[in-house]
N, C-alpha and C. Protein backbone atom coordinates (compact mmCIF):
# COMPACT_ATOMS: atom_id res chain seq x y z
N MET A 1 193.97 115.38 231.37
CA MET A 1 192.97 115.27 230.31
C MET A 1 193.14 113.91 229.63
N ILE A 2 192.02 113.24 229.43
CA ILE A 2 192.00 111.91 228.80
C ILE A 2 191.33 112.04 227.44
N ALA A 3 191.92 111.45 226.43
CA ALA A 3 191.36 111.48 225.08
C ALA A 3 190.11 110.59 225.00
N LEU A 4 189.16 110.98 224.17
CA LEU A 4 187.95 110.17 223.97
C LEU A 4 188.28 108.76 223.51
N THR A 5 189.30 108.63 222.68
CA THR A 5 189.66 107.31 222.16
C THR A 5 190.10 106.37 223.28
N ALA A 6 190.63 106.92 224.36
CA ALA A 6 191.03 106.09 225.50
C ALA A 6 189.83 105.64 226.32
N LEU A 7 188.67 106.22 226.05
CA LEU A 7 187.47 105.90 226.83
C LEU A 7 186.43 105.14 226.01
N TRP A 8 186.82 104.58 224.88
CA TRP A 8 185.85 103.89 224.04
C TRP A 8 185.23 102.69 224.75
N LEU A 9 186.02 101.96 225.55
CA LEU A 9 185.49 100.78 226.22
C LEU A 9 184.43 101.13 227.27
N PRO A 10 184.66 102.10 228.17
CA PRO A 10 183.56 102.44 229.09
C PRO A 10 182.34 103.05 228.39
N ILE A 11 182.55 103.72 227.26
CA ILE A 11 181.41 104.25 226.50
C ILE A 11 180.53 103.09 226.04
N VAL A 12 181.16 102.10 225.41
CA VAL A 12 180.41 100.96 224.86
C VAL A 12 179.84 100.09 225.98
N LEU A 13 180.66 99.80 226.99
CA LEU A 13 180.18 98.95 228.09
C LEU A 13 179.02 99.61 228.83
N SER A 14 179.10 100.91 229.08
CA SER A 14 177.99 101.58 229.78
C SER A 14 176.73 101.52 228.93
N ALA A 15 176.84 101.68 227.62
CA ALA A 15 175.67 101.59 226.75
C ALA A 15 175.06 100.19 226.79
N VAL A 16 175.90 99.18 226.78
CA VAL A 16 175.40 97.79 226.84
C VAL A 16 174.72 97.53 228.19
N LEU A 17 175.36 97.97 229.28
CA LEU A 17 174.77 97.77 230.61
C LEU A 17 173.42 98.47 230.74
N VAL A 18 173.34 99.71 230.27
CA VAL A 18 172.08 100.46 230.35
C VAL A 18 171.02 99.80 229.46
N PHE A 19 171.40 99.35 228.28
CA PHE A 19 170.47 98.68 227.38
C PHE A 19 169.87 97.44 228.04
N VAL A 20 170.72 96.62 228.63
CA VAL A 20 170.25 95.40 229.30
C VAL A 20 169.39 95.75 230.51
N ALA A 21 169.84 96.71 231.32
CA ALA A 21 169.06 97.11 232.50
C ALA A 21 167.71 97.66 232.10
N SER A 22 167.66 98.46 231.05
CA SER A 22 166.37 99.03 230.62
C SER A 22 165.44 97.92 230.13
N SER A 23 165.99 96.92 229.50
CA SER A 23 165.16 95.78 229.06
C SER A 23 164.55 95.08 230.26
N ILE A 24 165.36 94.90 231.29
CA ILE A 24 164.85 94.25 232.51
C ILE A 24 163.80 95.13 233.19
N LEU A 25 164.09 96.42 233.33
CA LEU A 25 163.15 97.33 234.00
C LEU A 25 161.82 97.42 233.27
N HIS A 26 161.84 97.35 231.94
CA HIS A 26 160.61 97.54 231.18
C HIS A 26 159.90 96.25 230.80
N MET A 27 160.63 95.15 230.70
CA MET A 27 159.98 93.92 230.24
C MET A 27 159.79 92.88 231.34
N VAL A 28 160.61 92.91 232.37
CA VAL A 28 160.53 91.89 233.41
C VAL A 28 159.80 92.43 234.65
N LEU A 29 160.23 93.59 235.13
CA LEU A 29 159.62 94.16 236.32
C LEU A 29 158.28 94.80 235.94
N PRO A 30 157.27 94.69 236.80
CA PRO A 30 155.93 95.16 236.42
C PRO A 30 155.64 96.64 236.65
N TYR A 31 156.56 97.40 237.22
CA TYR A 31 156.18 98.74 237.66
C TYR A 31 155.94 99.75 236.53
N HIS A 32 156.33 99.47 235.30
CA HIS A 32 156.04 100.39 234.19
C HIS A 32 154.73 100.05 233.46
N ARG A 33 154.11 98.96 233.83
CA ARG A 33 152.91 98.53 233.10
C ARG A 33 151.73 99.48 233.29
N SER A 34 151.77 100.30 234.32
CA SER A 34 150.67 101.24 234.57
C SER A 34 150.98 102.65 234.07
N ASP A 35 152.03 102.80 233.27
CA ASP A 35 152.43 104.14 232.82
C ASP A 35 151.40 104.77 231.88
N TYR A 36 150.68 103.97 231.13
CA TYR A 36 149.73 104.50 230.16
C TYR A 36 148.36 103.89 230.42
N ALA A 37 147.34 104.70 230.27
CA ALA A 37 145.96 104.24 230.47
C ALA A 37 145.26 104.06 229.12
N LYS A 38 144.23 103.26 229.13
CA LYS A 38 143.42 103.08 227.93
C LYS A 38 142.44 104.25 227.80
N LEU A 39 142.27 104.72 226.57
CA LEU A 39 141.30 105.79 226.31
C LEU A 39 139.88 105.30 226.57
N PRO A 40 139.04 106.12 227.20
CA PRO A 40 137.62 105.77 227.26
C PRO A 40 137.06 105.77 225.83
N ALA A 41 136.18 104.85 225.56
CA ALA A 41 135.58 104.72 224.22
C ALA A 41 136.67 104.66 223.15
N GLU A 42 137.68 103.84 223.40
CA GLU A 42 138.85 103.76 222.52
C GLU A 42 138.47 103.51 221.05
N ASP A 43 137.56 102.59 220.81
CA ASP A 43 137.19 102.28 219.42
C ASP A 43 136.60 103.51 218.72
N ASN A 44 135.78 104.28 219.42
CA ASN A 44 135.19 105.48 218.83
C ASN A 44 136.26 106.53 218.53
N VAL A 45 137.20 106.70 219.46
CA VAL A 45 138.28 107.66 219.26
C VAL A 45 139.15 107.23 218.09
N LEU A 46 139.49 105.93 218.03
CA LEU A 46 140.31 105.43 216.92
C LEU A 46 139.60 105.60 215.58
N ASP A 47 138.31 105.32 215.56
CA ASP A 47 137.54 105.52 214.33
C ASP A 47 137.57 106.98 213.90
N ALA A 48 137.39 107.90 214.85
CA ALA A 48 137.40 109.33 214.54
C ALA A 48 138.77 109.77 214.01
N LEU A 49 139.84 109.31 214.63
CA LEU A 49 141.18 109.67 214.16
C LEU A 49 141.46 109.08 212.78
N ARG A 50 141.02 107.84 212.58
CA ARG A 50 141.19 107.19 211.28
C ARG A 50 140.41 107.94 210.20
N ASP A 51 139.16 108.29 210.51
CA ASP A 51 138.33 109.03 209.56
C ASP A 51 138.93 110.40 209.24
N ALA A 52 139.58 111.02 210.22
CA ALA A 52 140.20 112.33 210.01
C ALA A 52 141.55 112.22 209.28
N LYS A 53 142.00 110.98 209.07
CA LYS A 53 143.28 110.74 208.38
C LYS A 53 144.44 111.51 209.05
N VAL A 54 144.50 111.38 210.37
CA VAL A 54 145.56 112.05 211.14
C VAL A 54 146.88 111.37 210.83
N ALA A 55 147.82 112.14 210.32
CA ALA A 55 149.14 111.62 209.94
C ALA A 55 150.03 111.50 211.18
N PRO A 56 151.07 110.67 211.11
CA PRO A 56 152.02 110.61 212.22
C PRO A 56 152.59 111.99 212.52
N GLY A 57 152.73 112.30 213.81
CA GLY A 57 153.27 113.59 214.20
C GLY A 57 152.78 113.97 215.59
N ALA A 58 153.07 115.19 215.98
CA ALA A 58 152.67 115.71 217.29
C ALA A 58 151.61 116.79 217.08
N TYR A 59 150.56 116.71 217.89
CA TYR A 59 149.44 117.63 217.76
C TYR A 59 149.10 118.20 219.13
N VAL A 60 148.59 119.42 219.15
CA VAL A 60 148.06 120.03 220.36
C VAL A 60 146.64 120.48 220.03
N PHE A 61 145.75 120.31 221.00
CA PHE A 61 144.37 120.72 220.77
C PHE A 61 143.77 121.32 222.01
N PRO A 62 142.92 122.33 221.83
CA PRO A 62 142.67 123.05 220.59
C PRO A 62 143.95 123.74 220.12
N HIS A 63 144.03 123.95 218.83
CA HIS A 63 145.25 124.53 218.25
C HIS A 63 145.00 125.95 217.78
N ALA A 64 145.85 126.84 218.23
CA ALA A 64 145.84 128.23 217.76
C ALA A 64 147.21 128.51 217.16
N PRO A 65 147.27 128.95 215.91
CA PRO A 65 148.56 129.14 215.25
C PRO A 65 149.39 130.32 215.74
N SER A 66 148.80 131.19 216.57
CA SER A 66 149.56 132.35 217.05
C SER A 66 149.10 132.74 218.45
N PRO A 67 149.95 133.44 219.20
CA PRO A 67 149.54 133.90 220.53
C PRO A 67 148.31 134.81 220.47
N LYS A 68 148.22 135.60 219.41
CA LYS A 68 147.06 136.49 219.28
C LYS A 68 145.76 135.67 219.19
N GLU A 69 145.80 134.61 218.40
CA GLU A 69 144.61 133.77 218.26
C GLU A 69 144.33 132.97 219.53
N THR A 70 145.37 132.65 220.28
CA THR A 70 145.17 131.95 221.56
C THR A 70 144.32 132.79 222.50
N ALA A 71 144.51 134.10 222.46
CA ALA A 71 143.78 135.00 223.35
C ALA A 71 142.38 135.34 222.86
N SER A 72 142.02 134.90 221.68
CA SER A 72 140.69 135.25 221.14
C SER A 72 139.59 134.61 221.98
N PRO A 73 138.42 135.24 222.03
CA PRO A 73 137.30 134.68 222.80
C PRO A 73 136.91 133.27 222.33
N GLU A 74 137.00 133.04 221.02
CA GLU A 74 136.63 131.72 220.48
C GLU A 74 137.57 130.64 221.02
N MET A 75 138.89 130.92 221.02
CA MET A 75 139.85 129.94 221.51
C MET A 75 139.71 129.76 223.02
N GLN A 76 139.48 130.85 223.73
CA GLN A 76 139.32 130.74 225.17
C GLN A 76 138.12 129.86 225.51
N GLU A 77 137.06 129.96 224.72
CA GLU A 77 135.89 129.11 224.93
C GLU A 77 136.23 127.64 224.63
N LYS A 78 137.00 127.40 223.58
CA LYS A 78 137.42 126.02 223.27
C LYS A 78 138.23 125.44 224.43
N TYR A 79 139.12 126.26 224.98
CA TYR A 79 139.92 125.80 226.13
C TYR A 79 139.02 125.48 227.32
N ARG A 80 138.04 126.32 227.59
CA ARG A 80 137.14 126.11 228.72
C ARG A 80 136.32 124.84 228.53
N ARG A 81 135.81 124.65 227.32
CA ARG A 81 134.97 123.48 227.03
C ARG A 81 135.77 122.19 227.08
N GLY A 82 137.06 122.24 226.62
CA GLY A 82 137.90 121.06 226.59
C GLY A 82 137.43 120.05 225.56
N PRO A 83 138.10 118.98 225.41
CA PRO A 83 139.34 118.65 226.11
C PRO A 83 140.52 119.46 225.57
N VAL A 84 141.54 119.57 226.41
CA VAL A 84 142.79 120.23 226.05
C VAL A 84 143.88 119.16 226.16
N GLY A 85 144.71 119.06 225.17
CA GLY A 85 145.72 118.02 225.26
C GLY A 85 146.74 118.04 224.15
N MET A 86 147.55 117.01 224.20
CA MET A 86 148.56 116.77 223.17
C MET A 86 148.37 115.35 222.69
N LEU A 87 148.67 115.12 221.44
CA LEU A 87 148.49 113.81 220.84
C LEU A 87 149.73 113.49 220.04
N LEU A 88 150.30 112.33 220.30
CA LEU A 88 151.42 111.84 219.51
C LEU A 88 150.92 110.69 218.66
N MET A 89 151.09 110.78 217.36
CA MET A 89 150.62 109.75 216.45
C MET A 89 151.81 109.06 215.80
N ALA A 90 151.82 107.75 215.87
CA ALA A 90 152.85 106.93 215.22
C ALA A 90 152.28 106.40 213.91
N PRO A 91 153.14 105.91 213.04
CA PRO A 91 152.62 105.28 211.82
C PRO A 91 151.77 104.06 212.17
N SER A 92 150.77 103.77 211.35
CA SER A 92 149.93 102.60 211.57
C SER A 92 150.76 101.33 211.42
N GLY A 93 150.34 100.30 212.12
CA GLY A 93 151.03 99.02 212.08
C GLY A 93 151.61 98.68 213.43
N PRO A 94 152.07 97.44 213.58
CA PRO A 94 152.66 97.03 214.86
C PRO A 94 153.87 97.91 215.20
N PRO A 95 154.13 98.12 216.49
CA PRO A 95 155.29 98.94 216.88
C PRO A 95 156.58 98.40 216.25
N ALA A 96 157.41 99.32 215.78
CA ALA A 96 158.69 98.96 215.15
C ALA A 96 159.76 98.86 216.23
N MET A 97 159.70 97.82 217.04
CA MET A 97 160.60 97.71 218.19
C MET A 97 162.07 97.63 217.79
N THR A 98 162.37 96.99 216.69
CA THR A 98 163.78 96.89 216.28
C THR A 98 164.36 98.28 216.06
N ARG A 99 163.66 99.11 215.33
CA ARG A 99 164.13 100.47 215.08
C ARG A 99 164.24 101.26 216.39
N ASN A 100 163.23 101.14 217.24
CA ASN A 100 163.26 101.86 218.52
C ASN A 100 164.41 101.40 219.40
N LEU A 101 164.66 100.10 219.45
CA LEU A 101 165.75 99.57 220.27
C LEU A 101 167.11 100.00 219.74
N ILE A 102 167.26 100.05 218.43
CA ILE A 102 168.51 100.54 217.84
C ILE A 102 168.71 102.00 218.20
N GLN A 103 167.65 102.80 218.08
CA GLN A 103 167.75 104.21 218.44
C GLN A 103 168.07 104.38 219.93
N TRP A 104 167.48 103.55 220.77
CA TRP A 104 167.76 103.62 222.21
C TRP A 104 169.23 103.30 222.48
N PHE A 105 169.76 102.27 221.82
CA PHE A 105 171.17 101.92 222.02
C PHE A 105 172.09 103.05 221.55
N VAL A 106 171.77 103.66 220.41
CA VAL A 106 172.56 104.81 219.92
C VAL A 106 172.48 105.96 220.92
N PHE A 107 171.31 106.17 221.51
CA PHE A 107 171.17 107.21 222.54
C PHE A 107 172.06 106.89 223.75
N CYS A 108 172.09 105.63 224.16
CA CYS A 108 172.96 105.23 225.28
C CYS A 108 174.43 105.48 224.94
N LEU A 109 174.83 105.20 223.71
CA LEU A 109 176.20 105.53 223.28
C LEU A 109 176.43 107.04 223.33
N TRP A 110 175.43 107.80 222.91
CA TRP A 110 175.49 109.27 222.92
C TRP A 110 175.73 109.79 224.33
N ILE A 111 174.97 109.27 225.30
CA ILE A 111 175.16 109.67 226.69
C ILE A 111 176.57 109.29 227.14
N GLY A 112 177.00 108.08 226.82
CA GLY A 112 178.34 107.64 227.18
C GLY A 112 179.42 108.52 226.57
N LEU A 113 179.20 108.98 225.36
CA LEU A 113 180.16 109.87 224.70
C LEU A 113 180.28 111.20 225.46
N PHE A 114 179.16 111.75 225.88
CA PHE A 114 179.20 113.00 226.64
C PHE A 114 179.80 112.80 228.03
N VAL A 115 179.49 111.67 228.65
CA VAL A 115 180.12 111.36 229.94
C VAL A 115 181.64 111.28 229.75
N ALA A 116 182.07 110.59 228.69
CA ALA A 116 183.51 110.45 228.42
C ALA A 116 184.14 111.80 228.15
N TYR A 117 183.48 112.62 227.36
CA TYR A 117 184.04 113.93 227.03
C TYR A 117 184.23 114.77 228.29
N LEU A 118 183.17 114.88 229.09
CA LEU A 118 183.26 115.75 230.27
C LEU A 118 184.18 115.19 231.35
N THR A 119 184.12 113.89 231.60
CA THR A 119 185.02 113.32 232.61
C THR A 119 186.46 113.35 232.11
N GLY A 120 186.64 113.08 230.82
CA GLY A 120 187.99 113.09 230.25
C GLY A 120 188.63 114.46 230.24
N ARG A 121 187.82 115.51 230.13
CA ARG A 121 188.34 116.88 230.14
C ARG A 121 188.54 117.40 231.56
N THR A 122 187.84 116.78 232.52
CA THR A 122 187.87 117.26 233.89
C THR A 122 188.89 116.50 234.76
N LEU A 123 188.99 115.21 234.53
CA LEU A 123 189.83 114.37 235.39
C LEU A 123 191.06 113.86 234.65
N GLY A 124 192.09 113.58 235.40
CA GLY A 124 193.30 113.02 234.83
C GLY A 124 193.35 111.52 235.00
N ALA A 125 194.40 110.92 234.47
CA ALA A 125 194.57 109.47 234.55
C ALA A 125 194.77 109.00 235.98
N ASP A 126 195.12 109.88 236.87
CA ASP A 126 195.35 109.50 238.26
C ASP A 126 194.08 109.58 239.12
N ALA A 127 192.94 109.86 238.51
CA ALA A 127 191.69 110.03 239.27
C ALA A 127 191.30 108.72 239.95
N GLU A 128 190.82 108.84 241.17
CA GLU A 128 190.38 107.67 241.92
C GLU A 128 189.00 107.23 241.44
N TYR A 129 188.72 105.95 241.70
CA TYR A 129 187.46 105.35 241.27
C TYR A 129 186.26 106.19 241.70
N LEU A 130 186.19 106.56 242.97
CA LEU A 130 185.03 107.28 243.49
C LEU A 130 184.87 108.65 242.84
N THR A 131 185.97 109.31 242.54
CA THR A 131 185.91 110.62 241.87
C THR A 131 185.32 110.46 240.47
N VAL A 132 185.80 109.46 239.73
CA VAL A 132 185.27 109.20 238.39
C VAL A 132 183.80 108.80 238.49
N PHE A 133 183.48 107.93 239.45
CA PHE A 133 182.12 107.46 239.64
C PHE A 133 181.16 108.62 239.87
N ARG A 134 181.54 109.53 240.77
CA ARG A 134 180.67 110.68 241.09
C ARG A 134 180.43 111.58 239.88
N LEU A 135 181.48 111.94 239.18
CA LEU A 135 181.33 112.84 238.04
C LEU A 135 180.58 112.16 236.90
N ALA A 136 180.99 110.95 236.55
CA ALA A 136 180.33 110.23 235.45
C ALA A 136 178.86 109.97 235.79
N GLY A 137 178.58 109.61 237.04
CA GLY A 137 177.20 109.35 237.44
C GLY A 137 176.33 110.58 237.39
N THR A 138 176.88 111.71 237.80
CA THR A 138 176.12 112.97 237.76
C THR A 138 175.78 113.35 236.33
N ILE A 139 176.75 113.26 235.45
CA ILE A 139 176.52 113.61 234.04
C ILE A 139 175.50 112.66 233.42
N ALA A 140 175.67 111.36 233.67
CA ALA A 140 174.74 110.37 233.11
C ALA A 140 173.33 110.55 233.66
N PHE A 141 173.22 110.88 234.94
CA PHE A 141 171.90 111.09 235.54
C PHE A 141 171.18 112.26 234.85
N LEU A 142 171.91 113.33 234.62
CA LEU A 142 171.30 114.46 233.91
C LEU A 142 170.82 114.04 232.52
N GLY A 143 171.61 113.23 231.84
CA GLY A 143 171.25 112.80 230.49
C GLY A 143 170.07 111.85 230.46
N TYR A 144 170.02 110.92 231.41
CA TYR A 144 168.97 109.90 231.39
C TYR A 144 167.69 110.31 232.11
N ALA A 145 167.75 111.24 233.05
CA ALA A 145 166.58 111.53 233.88
C ALA A 145 165.90 112.86 233.58
N SER A 146 166.60 113.83 233.06
CA SER A 146 166.03 115.18 232.93
C SER A 146 164.84 115.26 232.00
N GLY A 147 164.84 114.51 230.93
CA GLY A 147 163.75 114.57 229.96
C GLY A 147 162.41 114.19 230.56
N HIS A 148 162.42 113.30 231.54
CA HIS A 148 161.17 112.90 232.18
C HIS A 148 160.54 114.07 232.92
N ILE A 149 161.36 114.87 233.56
CA ILE A 149 160.85 116.04 234.29
C ILE A 149 160.26 117.04 233.30
N PHE A 150 160.95 117.26 232.20
CA PHE A 150 160.45 118.14 231.13
C PHE A 150 159.07 117.67 230.67
N ASP A 151 158.89 116.34 230.52
CA ASP A 151 157.61 115.82 230.04
C ASP A 151 156.47 116.08 231.02
N SER A 152 156.76 116.07 232.31
CA SER A 152 155.70 116.39 233.28
C SER A 152 155.37 117.87 233.28
N ILE A 153 156.37 118.70 233.10
CA ILE A 153 156.14 120.14 233.11
C ILE A 153 155.36 120.58 231.87
N TRP A 154 155.77 120.12 230.71
CA TRP A 154 155.23 120.66 229.46
C TRP A 154 154.29 119.72 228.70
N LYS A 155 154.33 118.43 228.98
CA LYS A 155 153.51 117.49 228.21
C LYS A 155 152.49 116.76 229.06
N PHE A 156 152.31 117.21 230.29
CA PHE A 156 151.27 116.70 231.17
C PHE A 156 151.43 115.24 231.55
N GLN A 157 152.63 114.71 231.42
CA GLN A 157 152.87 113.35 231.90
C GLN A 157 152.70 113.35 233.42
N SER A 158 152.12 112.32 233.96
CA SER A 158 151.90 112.31 235.41
C SER A 158 153.24 112.29 236.15
N TRP A 159 153.27 112.92 237.30
CA TRP A 159 154.49 112.95 238.10
C TRP A 159 154.86 111.57 238.61
N LYS A 160 153.89 110.69 238.73
CA LYS A 160 154.18 109.31 239.14
C LYS A 160 154.99 108.60 238.06
N VAL A 161 154.59 108.77 236.81
CA VAL A 161 155.34 108.18 235.70
C VAL A 161 156.73 108.82 235.62
N THR A 162 156.80 110.12 235.85
CA THR A 162 158.09 110.82 235.85
C THR A 162 159.00 110.27 236.94
N ALA A 163 158.45 110.03 238.13
CA ALA A 163 159.27 109.49 239.23
C ALA A 163 159.86 108.14 238.84
N LYS A 164 159.08 107.31 238.14
CA LYS A 164 159.60 106.02 237.69
C LYS A 164 160.71 106.21 236.67
N GLY A 165 160.53 107.16 235.75
CA GLY A 165 161.55 107.44 234.75
C GLY A 165 162.82 108.00 235.36
N VAL A 166 162.68 108.84 236.37
CA VAL A 166 163.85 109.39 237.06
C VAL A 166 164.57 108.27 237.82
N PHE A 167 163.80 107.36 238.44
CA PHE A 167 164.42 106.21 239.10
C PHE A 167 165.21 105.38 238.08
N ASP A 168 164.61 105.10 236.93
CA ASP A 168 165.32 104.38 235.87
C ASP A 168 166.60 105.12 235.50
N GLY A 169 166.50 106.45 235.37
CA GLY A 169 167.68 107.25 235.05
C GLY A 169 168.77 107.12 236.09
N LEU A 170 168.37 107.00 237.35
CA LEU A 170 169.35 106.80 238.42
C LEU A 170 170.04 105.44 238.27
N VAL A 171 169.28 104.40 237.97
CA VAL A 171 169.88 103.08 237.75
C VAL A 171 170.87 103.14 236.59
N TYR A 172 170.46 103.77 235.48
CA TYR A 172 171.34 103.87 234.31
C TYR A 172 172.59 104.68 234.64
N ALA A 173 172.42 105.74 235.43
CA ALA A 173 173.56 106.57 235.81
C ALA A 173 174.55 105.79 236.68
N LEU A 174 174.03 105.01 237.61
CA LEU A 174 174.91 104.21 238.46
C LEU A 174 175.69 103.17 237.65
N LEU A 175 175.03 102.55 236.69
CA LEU A 175 175.72 101.58 235.83
C LEU A 175 176.79 102.27 234.99
N THR A 176 176.45 103.43 234.45
CA THR A 176 177.41 104.19 233.65
C THR A 176 178.59 104.61 234.52
N ALA A 177 178.30 105.11 235.71
CA ALA A 177 179.36 105.54 236.62
C ALA A 177 180.27 104.37 236.99
N GLY A 178 179.68 103.21 237.23
CA GLY A 178 180.48 102.03 237.56
C GLY A 178 181.39 101.61 236.42
N ALA A 179 180.86 101.64 235.20
CA ALA A 179 181.67 101.27 234.03
C ALA A 179 182.85 102.23 233.86
N PHE A 180 182.59 103.53 233.99
CA PHE A 180 183.66 104.51 233.83
C PHE A 180 184.67 104.44 234.97
N GLY A 181 184.19 104.27 236.20
CA GLY A 181 185.11 104.14 237.33
C GLY A 181 185.99 102.93 237.21
N TRP A 182 185.41 101.81 236.80
CA TRP A 182 186.13 100.55 236.69
C TRP A 182 187.17 100.58 235.56
N LEU A 183 186.78 101.15 234.42
CA LEU A 183 187.64 101.11 233.23
C LEU A 183 188.41 102.42 232.99
N TRP A 184 188.47 103.28 234.00
CA TRP A 184 189.18 104.55 233.85
C TRP A 184 190.66 104.28 233.59
N PRO A 185 191.21 104.89 232.55
CA PRO A 185 192.63 104.64 232.24
C PRO A 185 193.57 105.15 233.34
N THR A 186 194.62 104.39 233.56
CA THR A 186 195.63 104.80 234.56
C THR A 186 196.97 104.93 233.90
């Protein structure tokens, strides 16, 4: 068993590596540029949302507050007529990238902490590089990739976008696994 304090360096290094890799994957390589489409009649939709004073938050439409109301003939007709969807609203203004990037880095540290906890409780100081790599990579992959699958199942994200997110998760997992394998205490 390895203490978490002995794994602080691979936790931090894996977070830095994933942060840099994600910046490259999202800002340099072009394959994420098609993840989101423009709304038809965007200006009209934006005007309608602005006029409705929709606050930041998550919305589903049509909305029924209870399962009983979901089954009502009126709601069933709304579902048939459409559109049916989910809407995520952010605060107005330019995207707050600094805040988002800080939160992303903290999330990367969070994943690294769980990788450290599970590998440290499972493996000893005598563990070989490949053993550490496999376990750390598996844990990191679950942390970085699983949410994308959830989004396709429940939030209607396209499976193509999910496949790209899962691929990114694999890259992040491999970097995390490499950092832990390389810096595993002996």
